Amino acid sequence: MRAQKGLTLSGFVVWAIVVVVVLLLGFKLFPAYYENYSIQRTLNVIASDESLRSLTKRDVESSFVRRATIENITAISLDELVITREGGGWRLETQYSVKVPLFGNLSACMDFVAHSGKN
């Protein structure tokens, strides 16, 4: 006679709880990481825009505000964006923190650095 193999009910419940907790954490943290991706992409697009290379810093700021509105970027404001002239174009960078409440009085605090360029 062969021994039975498989998953017990208590083992299934434990694994189901672990999977649900991991998924809930992922669902809570994903929006912050996606917004960081959107900010990084927006800064790269603005820095590589040929039409903005010869314009003023005010025009670059205006372009960021328009694109941030379209992309629904709320984690940073224009005050937190550092815009400098680099070579023939612009370099944009920012540092910001996002606090995501998880459950109860437990929160996740994430620090992000986004800048234009490949570095």
N, C-alpha and C. Protein backbone atom coordinates (compact mmCIF):
# COMPACT_ATOMS: atom_id res chain seq x y z
N MET A 1 0.83 -1.17 0.00
CA MET A 1 0.00 0.00 0.00
C MET A 1 0.88 1.25 0.00
N ARG A 2 0.50 2.24 -0.78
CA ARG A 2 1.28 3.47 -0.86
C ARG A 2 0.72 4.50 0.13
N ALA A 3 1.65 5.33 0.63
CA ALA A 3 1.23 6.38 1.56
C ALA A 3 0.54 7.50 0.79
N GLN A 4 -0.41 8.11 1.43
CA GLN A 4 -1.13 9.21 0.79
C GLN A 4 -0.23 10.43 0.69
N LYS A 5 -0.39 11.16 -0.40
CA LYS A 5 0.34 12.41 -0.59
C LYS A 5 -0.67 13.51 -0.83
N GLY A 6 -0.29 14.71 -0.47
CA GLY A 6 -1.21 15.81 -0.71
C GLY A 6 -1.09 16.88 0.34
N LEU A 7 -2.02 17.78 0.30
CA LEU A 7 -2.01 18.94 1.17
C LEU A 7 -3.15 18.79 2.17
N THR A 8 -2.84 18.98 3.44
CA THR A 8 -3.89 18.91 4.45
C THR A 8 -4.67 20.21 4.47
N LEU A 9 -5.81 20.19 5.09
CA LEU A 9 -6.65 21.39 5.18
C LEU A 9 -5.93 22.49 5.96
N SER A 10 -5.29 22.14 7.05
CA SER A 10 -4.58 23.16 7.83
C SER A 10 -3.39 23.73 7.04
N GLY A 11 -2.70 22.89 6.29
CA GLY A 11 -1.60 23.38 5.45
C GLY A 11 -2.12 24.31 4.36
N PHE A 12 -3.25 23.96 3.77
CA PHE A 12 -3.85 24.82 2.75
C PHE A 12 -4.24 26.17 3.32
N VAL A 13 -4.83 26.18 4.51
CA VAL A 13 -5.26 27.43 5.14
C VAL A 13 -4.05 28.32 5.43
N VAL A 14 -2.97 27.74 5.93
CA VAL A 14 -1.76 28.52 6.22
C VAL A 14 -1.21 29.13 4.93
N TRP A 15 -1.08 28.33 3.89
CA TRP A 15 -0.56 28.86 2.62
C TRP A 15 -1.50 29.89 2.01
N ALA A 16 -2.81 29.69 2.15
CA ALA A 16 -3.77 30.66 1.62
C ALA A 16 -3.64 32.00 2.34
N ILE A 17 -3.43 31.97 3.65
CA ILE A 17 -3.26 33.21 4.42
C ILE A 17 -1.99 33.92 3.98
N VAL A 18 -0.91 33.19 3.80
CA VAL A 18 0.36 33.79 3.35
C VAL A 18 0.19 34.43 1.98
N VAL A 19 -0.45 33.74 1.06
CA VAL A 19 -0.65 34.27 -0.29
C VAL A 19 -1.53 35.52 -0.25
N VAL A 20 -2.59 35.50 0.54
CA VAL A 20 -3.49 36.66 0.62
C VAL A 20 -2.77 37.86 1.21
N VAL A 21 -1.95 37.67 2.24
CA VAL A 21 -1.21 38.79 2.84
C VAL A 21 -0.23 39.38 1.84
N VAL A 22 0.48 38.52 1.12
CA VAL A 22 1.44 39.01 0.11
C VAL A 22 0.71 39.77 -1.00
N LEU A 23 -0.41 39.26 -1.46
CA LEU A 23 -1.18 39.96 -2.49
C LEU A 23 -1.71 41.31 -1.99
N LEU A 24 -2.20 41.35 -0.77
CA LEU A 24 -2.70 42.62 -0.23
C LEU A 24 -1.59 43.65 -0.11
N LEU A 25 -0.40 43.22 0.33
CA LEU A 25 0.74 44.14 0.39
C LEU A 25 1.10 44.64 -1.00
N GLY A 26 1.09 43.73 -1.96
CA GLY A 26 1.38 44.13 -3.34
C GLY A 26 0.38 45.13 -3.88
N PHE A 27 -0.90 44.90 -3.59
CA PHE A 27 -1.94 45.83 -4.06
C PHE A 27 -1.81 47.20 -3.40
N LYS A 28 -1.35 47.24 -2.16
CA LYS A 28 -1.18 48.51 -1.46
C LYS A 28 0.05 49.27 -1.97
N LEU A 29 1.16 48.55 -2.25
CA LEU A 29 2.42 49.19 -2.60
C LEU A 29 2.57 49.47 -4.09
N PHE A 30 1.87 48.74 -4.94
CA PHE A 30 2.02 48.89 -6.38
C PHE A 30 1.75 50.32 -6.88
N PRO A 31 0.69 51.01 -6.41
CA PRO A 31 0.45 52.37 -6.91
C PRO A 31 1.61 53.33 -6.68
N ALA A 32 2.31 53.22 -5.57
CA ALA A 32 3.46 54.11 -5.30
C ALA A 32 4.59 53.83 -6.29
N TYR A 33 4.85 52.56 -6.57
CA TYR A 33 5.91 52.22 -7.52
C TYR A 33 5.52 52.60 -8.95
N TYR A 34 4.24 52.46 -9.28
CA TYR A 34 3.79 52.85 -10.61
C TYR A 34 3.88 54.36 -10.79
N GLU A 35 3.55 55.12 -9.75
CA GLU A 35 3.67 56.57 -9.85
C GLU A 35 5.14 56.98 -9.98
N ASN A 36 6.04 56.29 -9.31
CA ASN A 36 7.47 56.56 -9.47
C ASN A 36 7.90 56.28 -10.92
N TYR A 37 7.39 55.21 -11.50
CA TYR A 37 7.68 54.91 -12.90
C TYR A 37 7.16 56.02 -13.80
N SER A 38 5.96 56.53 -13.53
CA SER A 38 5.38 57.62 -14.32
C SER A 38 6.20 58.90 -14.19
N ILE A 39 6.67 59.19 -12.98
CA ILE A 39 7.50 60.38 -12.77
C ILE A 39 8.80 60.25 -13.53
N GLN A 40 9.44 59.09 -13.43
CA GLN A 40 10.71 58.86 -14.13
C GLN A 40 10.52 59.01 -15.64
N ARG A 41 9.46 58.43 -16.17
CA ARG A 41 9.18 58.51 -17.60
C ARG A 41 8.90 59.96 -18.02
N THR A 42 8.16 60.70 -17.22
CA THR A 42 7.84 62.09 -17.54
C THR A 42 9.10 62.94 -17.54
N LEU A 43 9.98 62.76 -16.57
CA LEU A 43 11.22 63.53 -16.53
C LEU A 43 12.10 63.23 -17.74
N ASN A 44 12.16 61.96 -18.14
CA ASN A 44 12.95 61.59 -19.32
C ASN A 44 12.38 62.18 -20.60
N VAL A 45 11.06 62.18 -20.72
CA VAL A 45 10.42 62.74 -21.92
C VAL A 45 10.68 64.24 -22.01
N ILE A 46 10.56 64.94 -20.90
CA ILE A 46 10.78 66.39 -20.90
C ILE A 46 12.24 66.70 -21.22
N ALA A 47 13.17 65.95 -20.62
CA ALA A 47 14.59 66.22 -20.85
C ALA A 47 15.01 65.92 -22.28
N SER A 48 14.35 64.97 -22.92
CA SER A 48 14.73 64.61 -24.29
C SER A 48 13.92 65.35 -25.35
N ASP A 49 13.01 66.21 -24.93
CA ASP A 49 12.18 66.97 -25.87
C ASP A 49 13.04 68.04 -26.58
N GLU A 50 13.18 67.89 -27.87
CA GLU A 50 14.01 68.81 -28.65
C GLU A 50 13.46 70.23 -28.65
N SER A 51 12.14 70.38 -28.60
CA SER A 51 11.56 71.72 -28.66
C SER A 51 11.81 72.52 -27.38
N LEU A 52 12.15 71.86 -26.27
CA LEU A 52 12.38 72.56 -25.01
C LEU A 52 13.84 72.92 -24.79
N ARG A 53 14.73 72.42 -25.62
CA ARG A 53 16.17 72.64 -25.40
C ARG A 53 16.55 74.13 -25.45
N SER A 54 15.92 74.88 -26.31
CA SER A 54 16.29 76.28 -26.47
C SER A 54 15.39 77.23 -25.67
N LEU A 55 14.42 76.68 -24.94
CA LEU A 55 13.49 77.52 -24.20
C LEU A 55 13.97 77.77 -22.77
N THR A 56 13.20 78.51 -22.02
CA THR A 56 13.60 78.91 -20.67
C THR A 56 13.18 77.86 -19.63
N LYS A 57 13.67 78.07 -18.42
CA LYS A 57 13.33 77.18 -17.32
C LYS A 57 11.83 77.23 -17.04
N ARG A 58 11.24 78.38 -17.18
CA ARG A 58 9.79 78.55 -16.96
C ARG A 58 9.00 77.67 -17.94
N ASP A 59 9.47 77.55 -19.18
CA ASP A 59 8.79 76.70 -20.16
C ASP A 59 8.90 75.22 -19.79
N VAL A 60 10.05 74.83 -19.26
CA VAL A 60 10.23 73.45 -18.81
C VAL A 60 9.31 73.17 -17.62
N GLU A 61 9.20 74.11 -16.70
CA GLU A 61 8.30 73.95 -15.56
C GLU A 61 6.86 73.83 -16.03
N SER A 62 6.47 74.64 -16.99
CA SER A 62 5.13 74.59 -17.53
C SER A 62 4.85 73.24 -18.20
N SER A 63 5.84 72.73 -18.91
CA SER A 63 5.70 71.43 -19.55
C SER A 63 5.52 70.33 -18.50
N PHE A 64 6.29 70.42 -17.40
CA PHE A 64 6.15 69.42 -16.34
C PHE A 64 4.76 69.47 -15.72
N VAL A 65 4.26 70.65 -15.45
CA VAL A 65 2.94 70.79 -14.83
C VAL A 65 1.86 70.19 -15.74
N ARG A 66 1.94 70.47 -17.03
CA ARG A 66 0.96 69.91 -17.97
C ARG A 66 1.03 68.38 -18.01
N ARG A 67 2.24 67.86 -18.11
CA ARG A 67 2.40 66.40 -18.18
C ARG A 67 2.04 65.72 -16.86
N ALA A 68 2.33 66.36 -15.74
CA ALA A 68 1.98 65.79 -14.44
C ALA A 68 0.46 65.74 -14.27
N THR A 69 -0.22 66.73 -14.80
CA THR A 69 -1.68 66.73 -14.74
C THR A 69 -2.25 65.60 -15.58
N ILE A 70 -1.70 65.41 -16.77
CA ILE A 70 -2.17 64.35 -17.67
C ILE A 70 -1.88 62.98 -17.07
N GLU A 71 -0.69 62.79 -16.49
CA GLU A 71 -0.28 61.50 -15.93
C GLU A 71 -0.84 61.27 -14.52
N ASN A 72 -1.52 62.26 -13.95
CA ASN A 72 -2.09 62.19 -12.60
C ASN A 72 -0.99 61.95 -11.56
N ILE A 73 0.07 62.72 -11.66
CA ILE A 73 1.18 62.63 -10.70
C ILE A 73 0.87 63.55 -9.53
N THR A 74 0.73 62.96 -8.35
CA THR A 74 0.41 63.74 -7.15
C THR A 74 1.50 63.64 -6.08
N ALA A 75 2.48 62.77 -6.26
CA ALA A 75 3.50 62.55 -5.23
C ALA A 75 4.47 63.72 -5.13
N ILE A 76 4.69 64.44 -6.23
CA ILE A 76 5.61 65.57 -6.19
C ILE A 76 4.93 66.80 -6.76
N SER A 77 5.44 67.95 -6.36
CA SER A 77 4.95 69.20 -6.91
C SER A 77 6.11 69.89 -7.62
N LEU A 78 5.83 71.00 -8.23
CA LEU A 78 6.85 71.75 -8.95
C LEU A 78 7.95 72.24 -8.01
N ASP A 79 7.60 72.50 -6.76
CA ASP A 79 8.59 72.97 -5.77
C ASP A 79 9.65 71.91 -5.46
N GLU A 80 9.30 70.64 -5.60
CA GLU A 80 10.23 69.56 -5.29
C GLU A 80 11.09 69.14 -6.49
N LEU A 81 10.88 69.75 -7.61
CA LEU A 81 11.61 69.41 -8.83
C LEU A 81 12.80 70.35 -9.01
N VAL A 82 13.98 69.77 -9.21
CA VAL A 82 15.20 70.55 -9.43
C VAL A 82 15.50 70.51 -10.93
N ILE A 83 15.51 71.69 -11.55
CA ILE A 83 15.74 71.79 -12.99
C ILE A 83 17.03 72.56 -13.21
N THR A 84 17.97 71.93 -13.91
CA THR A 84 19.26 72.58 -14.19
C THR A 84 19.58 72.43 -15.67
N ARG A 85 20.31 73.40 -16.18
CA ARG A 85 20.77 73.37 -17.56
C ARG A 85 22.00 72.47 -17.62
N GLU A 86 21.98 71.50 -18.51
CA GLU A 86 23.10 70.57 -18.64
C GLU A 86 23.44 70.42 -20.12
N GLY A 87 24.62 70.89 -20.49
CA GLY A 87 25.00 70.83 -21.90
C GLY A 87 24.05 71.67 -22.73
N GLY A 88 23.46 71.05 -23.72
CA GLY A 88 22.50 71.76 -24.56
C GLY A 88 21.07 71.53 -24.17
N GLY A 89 20.84 70.79 -23.06
CA GLY A 89 19.47 70.46 -22.66
C GLY A 89 19.23 70.72 -21.20
N TRP A 90 18.28 70.00 -20.66
CA TRP A 90 17.86 70.18 -19.27
C TRP A 90 18.02 68.88 -18.50
N ARG A 91 18.33 69.00 -17.22
CA ARG A 91 18.36 67.84 -16.31
C ARG A 91 17.32 68.10 -15.23
N LEU A 92 16.43 67.14 -15.04
CA LEU A 92 15.38 67.24 -14.04
C LEU A 92 15.58 66.13 -13.02
N GLU A 93 15.47 66.47 -11.74
CA GLU A 93 15.60 65.45 -10.70
C GLU A 93 14.75 65.82 -9.49
N THR A 94 14.40 64.79 -8.74
CA THR A 94 13.60 64.99 -7.54
C THR A 94 13.82 63.85 -6.57
N GLN A 95 13.61 64.12 -5.30
CA GLN A 95 13.63 63.12 -4.24
C GLN A 95 12.35 63.31 -3.44
N TYR A 96 11.69 62.21 -3.16
CA TYR A 96 10.44 62.32 -2.41
C TYR A 96 10.17 61.03 -1.65
N SER A 97 9.29 61.13 -0.67
CA SER A 97 8.89 59.98 0.13
C SER A 97 7.39 59.78 0.00
N VAL A 98 6.99 58.52 0.07
CA VAL A 98 5.58 58.17 0.03
C VAL A 98 5.29 57.29 1.23
N LYS A 99 4.27 57.65 1.98
CA LYS A 99 3.86 56.86 3.15
C LYS A 99 2.54 56.18 2.82
N VAL A 100 2.55 54.86 2.84
CA VAL A 100 1.36 54.08 2.50
C VAL A 100 0.87 53.36 3.75
N PRO A 101 -0.35 53.67 4.21
CA PRO A 101 -0.88 52.94 5.36
C PRO A 101 -1.21 51.49 4.96
N LEU A 102 -0.72 50.54 5.75
CA LEU A 102 -0.97 49.13 5.43
C LEU A 102 -2.18 48.61 6.18
N PHE A 103 -2.09 48.50 7.49
CA PHE A 103 -3.23 48.11 8.31
C PHE A 103 -2.94 48.52 9.75
N GLY A 104 -3.99 48.85 10.45
CA GLY A 104 -3.83 49.32 11.83
C GLY A 104 -2.97 50.57 11.86
N ASN A 105 -1.96 50.57 12.71
CA ASN A 105 -1.06 51.72 12.78
C ASN A 105 0.27 51.41 12.09
N LEU A 106 0.29 50.46 11.19
CA LEU A 106 1.49 50.08 10.45
C LEU A 106 1.46 50.71 9.06
N SER A 107 2.54 51.41 8.72
CA SER A 107 2.65 52.06 7.42
C SER A 107 3.99 51.70 6.78
N ALA A 108 4.03 51.79 5.46
CA ALA A 108 5.28 51.60 4.72
C ALA A 108 5.72 52.96 4.22
N CYS A 109 6.96 53.35 4.53
CA CYS A 109 7.51 54.61 4.06
C CYS A 109 8.57 54.30 3.01
N MET A 110 8.35 54.80 1.80
CA MET A 110 9.25 54.51 0.69
C MET A 110 9.88 55.81 0.21
N ASP A 111 11.20 55.81 0.02
CA ASP A 111 11.93 56.96 -0.51
C ASP A 111 12.30 56.68 -1.95
N PHE A 112 12.01 57.65 -2.81
CA PHE A 112 12.28 57.51 -4.23
C PHE A 112 13.18 58.64 -4.71
N VAL A 113 14.02 58.35 -5.68
CA VAL A 113 14.84 59.34 -6.36
C VAL A 113 14.58 59.15 -7.85
N ALA A 114 14.15 60.20 -8.53
CA ALA A 114 13.89 60.13 -9.96
C ALA A 114 14.64 61.26 -10.64
N HIS A 115 15.23 60.95 -11.78
CA HIS A 115 15.96 61.97 -12.53
C HIS A 115 15.95 61.61 -14.01
N SER A 116 16.17 62.61 -14.81
CA SER A 116 16.26 62.38 -16.25
C SER A 116 17.65 61.87 -16.57
N GLY A 117 17.77 61.09 -17.58
CA GLY A 117 19.06 60.55 -17.97
C GLY A 117 19.15 59.07 -17.70
N LYS A 118 20.27 58.50 -18.04
CA LYS A 118 20.46 57.06 -17.92
C LYS A 118 21.10 56.64 -16.61
N ASN A 119 21.67 57.56 -15.84
CA ASN A 119 22.38 57.21 -14.61
C ASN A 119 21.42 56.85 -13.51
